[in-house]
């Protein structure tokens, strides 16, 4: 088995360490793109991707958050996760791609079931609104 991608190890460290904002910013490429499960258009650029991922790590990354499995192929990975929000079980995947510099260039989140998506949308809206105040 080969060593994990250094970017993947850095992502796991960020999630395990409670979501340090500077650590997240350091992981992102300047031209990073985020694909949300609840926003139709991709969010482009480090600042937008940072806002979404920082909010998501705080909304989903509580004590109940667990990565269940990961599939890694070179500079990309699929990480299945589970969490719980307000009694609703959330199951999803993070699909991450790193650039040649080891920075996250593309991050897509997919969530199921529907009531989990609705809860994530509600909580993410609250967190993003609080960030812009």
N, C-alpha and C. Protein backbone atom coordinates (compact mmCIF):
# COMPACT_ATOMS: atom_id res chain seq x y z
N UNK A 1 0.84 -1.18 0.00
CA UNK A 1 0.00 0.00 0.00
C UNK A 1 0.88 1.24 0.00
N UNK A 2 0.57 2.19 -0.86
CA UNK A 2 1.40 3.38 -0.95
C UNK A 2 1.03 4.38 0.14
N UNK A 3 1.92 5.33 0.36
CA UNK A 3 1.68 6.36 1.38
C UNK A 3 0.51 7.23 0.94
N UNK A 4 -0.27 7.72 1.89
CA UNK A 4 -1.39 8.59 1.52
C UNK A 4 -0.89 9.89 0.90
N UNK A 5 -1.71 10.49 0.06
CA UNK A 5 -1.39 11.77 -0.54
C UNK A 5 -1.16 12.78 0.58
N UNK A 6 -0.09 13.59 0.50
CA UNK A 6 0.17 14.55 1.58
C UNK A 6 -0.98 15.54 1.77
N UNK A 7 -1.67 15.88 0.69
CA UNK A 7 -2.83 16.77 0.82
C UNK A 7 -3.96 16.12 1.59
N UNK A 8 -4.12 14.82 1.42
CA UNK A 8 -5.16 14.09 2.15
C UNK A 8 -4.82 14.05 3.64
N UNK A 9 -3.56 13.80 3.94
CA UNK A 9 -3.13 13.81 5.34
C UNK A 9 -3.37 15.19 5.96
N UNK A 10 -3.10 16.25 5.20
CA UNK A 10 -3.32 17.61 5.70
C UNK A 10 -4.81 17.88 5.91
N UNK A 11 -5.65 17.37 5.02
CA UNK A 11 -7.10 17.54 5.18
C UNK A 11 -7.58 16.84 6.45
N UNK A 12 -7.14 15.61 6.66
CA UNK A 12 -7.53 14.87 7.87
C UNK A 12 -7.05 15.61 9.13
N UNK A 13 -5.84 16.17 9.07
CA UNK A 13 -5.33 16.92 10.22
C UNK A 13 -6.20 18.15 10.49
N UNK A 14 -6.60 18.84 9.43
CA UNK A 14 -7.48 20.01 9.59
C UNK A 14 -8.79 19.61 10.28
N UNK A 15 -9.41 18.53 9.80
CA UNK A 15 -10.68 18.09 10.39
C UNK A 15 -10.49 17.62 11.83
N UNK A 16 -9.38 16.95 12.12
CA UNK A 16 -9.14 16.43 13.46
C UNK A 16 -8.79 17.53 14.46
N UNK A 17 -8.21 18.62 13.97
CA UNK A 17 -7.75 19.69 14.85
C UNK A 17 -8.81 20.76 15.12
N UNK A 18 -10.05 20.50 14.72
CA UNK A 18 -11.12 21.43 15.06
C UNK A 18 -11.34 22.56 14.08
N UNK A 19 -10.77 22.45 12.90
CA UNK A 19 -11.09 23.41 11.85
C UNK A 19 -10.39 24.76 11.97
N UNK A 20 -9.07 24.75 12.14
CA UNK A 20 -8.31 25.99 12.21
C UNK A 20 -8.39 26.73 10.88
N UNK A 21 -8.90 27.98 10.86
CA UNK A 21 -9.09 28.70 9.60
C UNK A 21 -7.80 28.85 8.78
N UNK A 22 -6.69 29.18 9.42
CA UNK A 22 -5.45 29.38 8.66
C UNK A 22 -4.97 28.07 8.04
N UNK A 23 -5.15 26.97 8.76
CA UNK A 23 -4.76 25.67 8.21
C UNK A 23 -5.57 25.37 6.95
N UNK A 24 -6.87 25.67 6.98
CA UNK A 24 -7.70 25.44 5.80
C UNK A 24 -7.26 26.33 4.65
N UNK A 25 -7.05 27.61 4.91
CA UNK A 25 -6.64 28.53 3.85
C UNK A 25 -5.35 28.04 3.19
N UNK A 26 -4.45 27.52 3.99
CA UNK A 26 -3.17 27.02 3.46
C UNK A 26 -3.34 25.79 2.58
N UNK A 27 -4.44 25.06 2.74
CA UNK A 27 -4.68 23.85 1.95
C UNK A 27 -5.23 24.14 0.56
N UNK A 28 -5.75 25.36 0.35
CA UNK A 28 -6.51 25.65 -0.87
C UNK A 28 -5.68 26.34 -1.94
N UNK A 29 -5.87 25.88 -3.18
CA UNK A 29 -5.27 26.55 -4.33
C UNK A 29 -5.98 27.88 -4.56
N UNK A 30 -5.27 28.82 -5.13
CA UNK A 30 -5.84 30.14 -5.44
C UNK A 30 -7.08 30.01 -6.32
N UNK A 31 -7.06 29.07 -7.26
CA UNK A 31 -8.16 28.89 -8.22
C UNK A 31 -9.07 27.70 -7.85
N UNK A 32 -9.12 27.36 -6.57
CA UNK A 32 -9.94 26.23 -6.12
C UNK A 32 -11.41 26.43 -6.48
N UNK A 33 -12.11 25.30 -6.65
CA UNK A 33 -13.54 25.30 -6.97
C UNK A 33 -14.25 24.39 -5.98
N UNK A 34 -15.40 24.86 -5.47
CA UNK A 34 -16.21 24.08 -4.54
C UNK A 34 -17.57 23.81 -5.17
N UNK A 35 -18.00 22.54 -5.11
CA UNK A 35 -19.31 22.12 -5.61
C UNK A 35 -20.14 21.70 -4.41
N UNK A 36 -21.15 22.49 -4.12
CA UNK A 36 -22.00 22.28 -2.95
C UNK A 36 -23.15 21.34 -3.28
N UNK A 37 -23.64 20.59 -2.29
CA UNK A 37 -24.82 19.76 -2.54
C UNK A 37 -26.10 20.59 -2.63
N UNK A 38 -26.05 21.87 -2.23
CA UNK A 38 -27.27 22.68 -2.19
C UNK A 38 -27.20 23.97 -2.99
N UNK A 39 -26.04 24.30 -3.55
CA UNK A 39 -25.90 25.51 -4.37
C UNK A 39 -25.65 25.06 -5.80
N UNK A 40 -26.45 25.59 -6.73
CA UNK A 40 -26.42 25.12 -8.11
C UNK A 40 -25.08 25.37 -8.81
N UNK A 41 -24.51 26.56 -8.66
CA UNK A 41 -23.30 26.90 -9.40
C UNK A 41 -22.05 26.61 -8.58
N UNK A 42 -20.98 26.20 -9.25
CA UNK A 42 -19.71 26.00 -8.54
C UNK A 42 -19.23 27.34 -7.95
N UNK A 43 -18.63 27.26 -6.78
CA UNK A 43 -18.07 28.44 -6.12
C UNK A 43 -16.58 28.46 -6.43
N UNK A 44 -16.13 29.54 -7.08
CA UNK A 44 -14.76 29.58 -7.59
C UNK A 44 -13.90 30.58 -6.83
N UNK A 45 -12.65 30.19 -6.61
CA UNK A 45 -11.68 31.05 -5.95
C UNK A 45 -11.48 30.68 -4.49
N UNK A 46 -10.27 30.87 -4.02
CA UNK A 46 -9.90 30.46 -2.66
C UNK A 46 -10.83 31.04 -1.60
N UNK A 47 -11.18 32.32 -1.71
CA UNK A 47 -11.99 32.94 -0.66
C UNK A 47 -13.37 32.32 -0.55
N UNK A 48 -14.02 32.06 -1.69
CA UNK A 48 -15.34 31.44 -1.67
C UNK A 48 -15.26 30.00 -1.18
N UNK A 49 -14.29 29.26 -1.68
CA UNK A 49 -14.12 27.86 -1.27
C UNK A 49 -13.83 27.80 0.23
N UNK A 50 -12.98 28.71 0.69
CA UNK A 50 -12.68 28.77 2.12
C UNK A 50 -13.97 28.98 2.93
N UNK A 51 -14.79 29.94 2.51
CA UNK A 51 -16.02 30.25 3.25
C UNK A 51 -16.91 29.01 3.37
N UNK A 52 -17.10 28.31 2.26
CA UNK A 52 -17.97 27.13 2.28
C UNK A 52 -17.37 25.99 3.10
N UNK A 53 -16.09 25.69 2.88
CA UNK A 53 -15.48 24.57 3.60
C UNK A 53 -15.33 24.85 5.08
N UNK A 54 -15.03 26.09 5.43
CA UNK A 54 -14.91 26.44 6.85
C UNK A 54 -16.27 26.29 7.53
N UNK A 55 -17.31 26.78 6.88
CA UNK A 55 -18.66 26.62 7.43
C UNK A 55 -19.03 25.15 7.53
N UNK A 56 -18.77 24.40 6.48
CA UNK A 56 -19.13 22.97 6.46
C UNK A 56 -18.39 22.20 7.55
N UNK A 57 -17.12 22.52 7.76
CA UNK A 57 -16.36 21.79 8.77
C UNK A 57 -16.93 22.05 10.17
N UNK A 58 -17.52 23.21 10.38
CA UNK A 58 -18.12 23.51 11.68
C UNK A 58 -19.55 22.97 11.79
N UNK A 59 -20.27 22.97 10.68
CA UNK A 59 -21.64 22.44 10.69
C UNK A 59 -21.61 20.92 10.83
N UNK A 60 -20.77 20.26 10.03
CA UNK A 60 -20.75 18.80 9.98
C UNK A 60 -19.68 18.17 10.85
N UNK A 61 -18.64 18.91 11.16
CA UNK A 61 -17.46 18.33 11.78
C UNK A 61 -17.48 18.21 13.28
N UNK A 62 -18.65 18.00 13.87
CA UNK A 62 -18.74 17.86 15.32
C UNK A 62 -18.30 16.50 15.81
N UNK A 63 -18.66 16.21 17.04
CA UNK A 63 -18.25 14.94 17.66
C UNK A 63 -18.79 13.72 16.93
N UNK A 64 -19.92 13.89 16.22
CA UNK A 64 -20.53 12.75 15.52
C UNK A 64 -19.92 12.50 14.15
N UNK A 65 -19.08 13.41 13.66
CA UNK A 65 -18.53 13.28 12.31
C UNK A 65 -17.50 12.17 12.24
N UNK A 66 -17.64 11.30 11.23
CA UNK A 66 -16.68 10.22 11.00
C UNK A 66 -16.50 9.99 9.51
N UNK A 67 -15.27 9.82 9.09
CA UNK A 67 -15.03 9.29 7.75
C UNK A 67 -15.13 7.78 7.86
N UNK A 68 -15.92 7.18 6.99
CA UNK A 68 -16.15 5.74 7.03
C UNK A 68 -15.18 4.98 6.15
N UNK A 69 -14.87 5.54 4.98
CA UNK A 69 -13.91 4.91 4.07
C UNK A 69 -13.41 5.94 3.09
N UNK A 70 -12.29 5.60 2.47
CA UNK A 70 -11.73 6.49 1.47
C UNK A 70 -11.15 5.68 0.33
N UNK A 71 -11.32 6.23 -0.84
CA UNK A 71 -10.77 5.64 -2.06
C UNK A 71 -9.86 6.69 -2.66
N UNK A 72 -8.58 6.35 -2.78
CA UNK A 72 -7.57 7.32 -3.22
C UNK A 72 -6.95 6.82 -4.51
N UNK A 73 -6.83 7.71 -5.48
CA UNK A 73 -6.19 7.40 -6.75
C UNK A 73 -5.33 8.59 -7.14
N UNK A 74 -4.05 8.51 -6.85
CA UNK A 74 -3.13 9.59 -7.20
C UNK A 74 -3.49 10.88 -6.51
N UNK A 75 -3.86 11.90 -7.32
CA UNK A 75 -4.14 13.23 -6.78
C UNK A 75 -5.62 13.47 -6.49
N UNK A 76 -6.40 12.40 -6.38
CA UNK A 76 -7.81 12.57 -6.05
C UNK A 76 -8.27 11.50 -5.07
N UNK A 77 -9.33 11.86 -4.31
CA UNK A 77 -9.84 10.94 -3.30
C UNK A 77 -11.34 11.13 -3.14
N UNK A 78 -12.00 10.04 -2.78
CA UNK A 78 -13.40 10.05 -2.40
C UNK A 78 -13.47 9.58 -0.96
N UNK A 79 -14.04 10.43 -0.10
CA UNK A 79 -14.12 10.14 1.32
C UNK A 79 -15.59 10.07 1.72
N UNK A 80 -16.05 8.90 2.14
CA UNK A 80 -17.42 8.78 2.61
C UNK A 80 -17.47 9.16 4.08
N UNK A 81 -18.48 9.96 4.45
CA UNK A 81 -18.61 10.39 5.83
C UNK A 81 -20.03 10.19 6.35
N UNK A 82 -20.13 10.24 7.67
CA UNK A 82 -21.43 10.28 8.32
C UNK A 82 -21.35 11.27 9.46
N UNK A 83 -22.49 11.85 9.77
CA UNK A 83 -22.60 12.79 10.87
C UNK A 83 -24.05 12.83 11.30
N UNK A 84 -24.34 13.64 12.30
CA UNK A 84 -25.71 13.81 12.75
C UNK A 84 -25.94 15.28 13.07
N UNK A 85 -27.06 15.81 12.58
CA UNK A 85 -27.44 17.19 12.87
C UNK A 85 -28.88 17.19 13.37
N UNK A 86 -29.09 17.69 14.56
CA UNK A 86 -30.44 17.78 15.11
C UNK A 86 -31.20 16.46 14.99
N UNK A 87 -30.51 15.34 15.26
CA UNK A 87 -31.15 14.04 15.23
C UNK A 87 -31.29 13.42 13.85
N UNK A 88 -30.81 14.11 12.81
CA UNK A 88 -30.92 13.59 11.44
C UNK A 88 -29.57 13.00 11.04
N UNK A 89 -29.59 11.74 10.63
CA UNK A 89 -28.38 11.08 10.15
C UNK A 89 -28.01 11.61 8.77
N UNK A 90 -26.76 11.98 8.62
CA UNK A 90 -26.26 12.50 7.35
C UNK A 90 -25.20 11.54 6.83
N UNK A 91 -25.32 11.19 5.56
CA UNK A 91 -24.35 10.35 4.89
C UNK A 91 -23.94 11.09 3.63
N UNK A 92 -22.64 11.13 3.35
CA UNK A 92 -22.20 11.86 2.17
C UNK A 92 -20.81 11.47 1.75
N UNK A 93 -20.36 12.14 0.69
CA UNK A 93 -18.99 11.94 0.21
C UNK A 93 -18.36 13.29 -0.10
N UNK A 94 -17.09 13.37 0.19
CA UNK A 94 -16.24 14.47 -0.25
C UNK A 94 -15.40 13.93 -1.40
N UNK A 95 -15.42 14.61 -2.53
CA UNK A 95 -14.59 14.23 -3.67
C UNK A 95 -13.58 15.36 -3.83
N UNK A 96 -12.32 15.02 -3.61
CA UNK A 96 -11.27 16.04 -3.55
C UNK A 96 -10.21 15.76 -4.61
N UNK A 97 -9.76 16.84 -5.27
CA UNK A 97 -8.64 16.74 -6.21
C UNK A 97 -7.60 17.80 -5.81
N UNK A 98 -6.33 17.40 -5.84
CA UNK A 98 -5.23 18.29 -5.52
C UNK A 98 -4.47 18.66 -6.79
N UNK A 99 -3.90 19.86 -6.81
CA UNK A 99 -3.08 20.27 -7.95
C UNK A 99 -1.65 19.76 -7.77
N UNK A 100 -0.77 20.13 -8.70
CA UNK A 100 0.62 19.66 -8.65
C UNK A 100 1.38 20.19 -7.43
N UNK A 101 0.88 21.28 -6.84
CA UNK A 101 1.52 21.83 -5.64
C UNK A 101 0.96 21.23 -4.35
N UNK A 102 0.06 20.25 -4.48
CA UNK A 102 -0.52 19.61 -3.30
C UNK A 102 -1.64 20.39 -2.64
N UNK A 103 -2.14 21.42 -3.34
CA UNK A 103 -3.24 22.24 -2.82
C UNK A 103 -4.56 21.71 -3.37
N UNK A 104 -5.63 21.85 -2.59
CA UNK A 104 -6.95 21.42 -3.05
C UNK A 104 -7.38 22.32 -4.20
N UNK A 105 -7.65 21.71 -5.35
CA UNK A 105 -8.09 22.47 -6.52
C UNK A 105 -9.57 22.29 -6.79
N UNK A 106 -10.15 21.18 -6.34
CA UNK A 106 -11.56 20.92 -6.58
C UNK A 106 -12.11 20.11 -5.41
N UNK A 107 -13.25 20.54 -4.88
CA UNK A 107 -13.85 19.88 -3.72
C UNK A 107 -15.34 19.81 -3.97
N UNK A 108 -15.87 18.59 -4.04
CA UNK A 108 -17.31 18.38 -4.27
C UNK A 108 -17.88 17.60 -3.10
N UNK A 109 -19.03 18.06 -2.61
CA UNK A 109 -19.72 17.38 -1.51
C UNK A 109 -21.06 16.89 -2.02
N UNK A 110 -21.37 15.64 -1.75
CA UNK A 110 -22.67 15.06 -2.07
C UNK A 110 -23.23 14.49 -0.77
N UNK A 111 -24.54 14.73 -0.53
CA UNK A 111 -25.17 14.36 0.73
C UNK A 111 -26.48 13.63 0.47
N UNK A 112 -26.80 12.68 1.33
CA UNK A 112 -28.07 11.97 1.30
C UNK A 112 -28.50 11.71 2.73
N UNK A 113 -29.71 11.39 3.04
CA UNK A 113 -30.92 11.46 2.22
C UNK A 113 -31.43 12.91 2.13
N UNK A 114 -32.60 13.09 1.51
CA UNK A 114 -33.13 14.42 1.26
C UNK A 114 -33.26 15.24 2.53
N UNK A 115 -33.77 14.66 3.62
CA UNK A 115 -33.93 15.48 4.83
C UNK A 115 -32.57 15.88 5.40
N UNK A 116 -31.53 15.11 5.12
CA UNK A 116 -30.18 15.50 5.51
C UNK A 116 -29.71 16.70 4.69
N UNK A 117 -29.98 16.68 3.38
CA UNK A 117 -29.62 17.81 2.53
C UNK A 117 -30.32 19.08 3.03
N UNK A 118 -31.60 18.95 3.34
CA UNK A 118 -32.35 20.11 3.82
C UNK A 118 -31.77 20.66 5.12
N UNK A 119 -31.36 19.78 6.03
CA UNK A 119 -30.78 20.21 7.30
C UNK A 119 -29.41 20.86 7.06
N UNK A 120 -28.60 20.28 6.19
CA UNK A 120 -27.30 20.87 5.86
C UNK A 120 -27.50 22.26 5.25
N UNK A 121 -28.45 22.40 4.34
CA UNK A 121 -28.75 23.68 3.71
C UNK A 121 -29.12 24.72 4.77
N UNK A 122 -29.97 24.33 5.71
CA UNK A 122 -30.41 25.24 6.78
C UNK A 122 -29.21 25.70 7.62
N UNK A 123 -28.42 24.74 8.10
CA UNK A 123 -27.30 25.05 8.99
C UNK A 123 -26.18 25.79 8.26
N UNK A 124 -25.92 25.43 7.01
CA UNK A 124 -24.90 26.13 6.24
C UNK A 124 -25.32 27.57 5.99
N UNK A 125 -26.59 27.79 5.70
CA UNK A 125 -27.09 29.15 5.51
C UNK A 125 -26.85 30.01 6.74
N UNK A 126 -27.13 29.45 7.91
CA UNK A 126 -26.91 30.16 9.16
C UNK A 126 -25.42 30.49 9.36
N UNK A 127 -24.56 29.50 9.10
CA UNK A 127 -23.13 29.69 9.31
C UNK A 127 -22.56 30.71 8.32
N UNK A 128 -22.94 30.62 7.05
CA UNK A 128 -22.44 31.55 6.05
C UNK A 128 -22.92 32.97 6.33
N UNK A 129 -24.17 33.11 6.76
CA UNK A 129 -24.70 34.44 7.11
C UNK A 129 -23.91 35.03 8.28
N UNK A 130 -23.57 34.20 9.25
CA UNK A 130 -22.81 34.68 10.41
C UNK A 130 -21.41 35.11 10.00
N UNK A 131 -20.82 34.45 9.00
CA UNK A 131 -19.47 34.81 8.54
C UNK A 131 -19.44 36.17 7.86
N UNK A 132 -20.55 36.57 7.24
CA UNK A 132 -20.57 37.82 6.48
C UNK A 132 -20.95 39.02 7.34
N UNK A 133 -21.29 38.78 8.60
CA UNK A 133 -21.66 39.89 9.50
C UNK A 133 -20.45 40.57 10.04
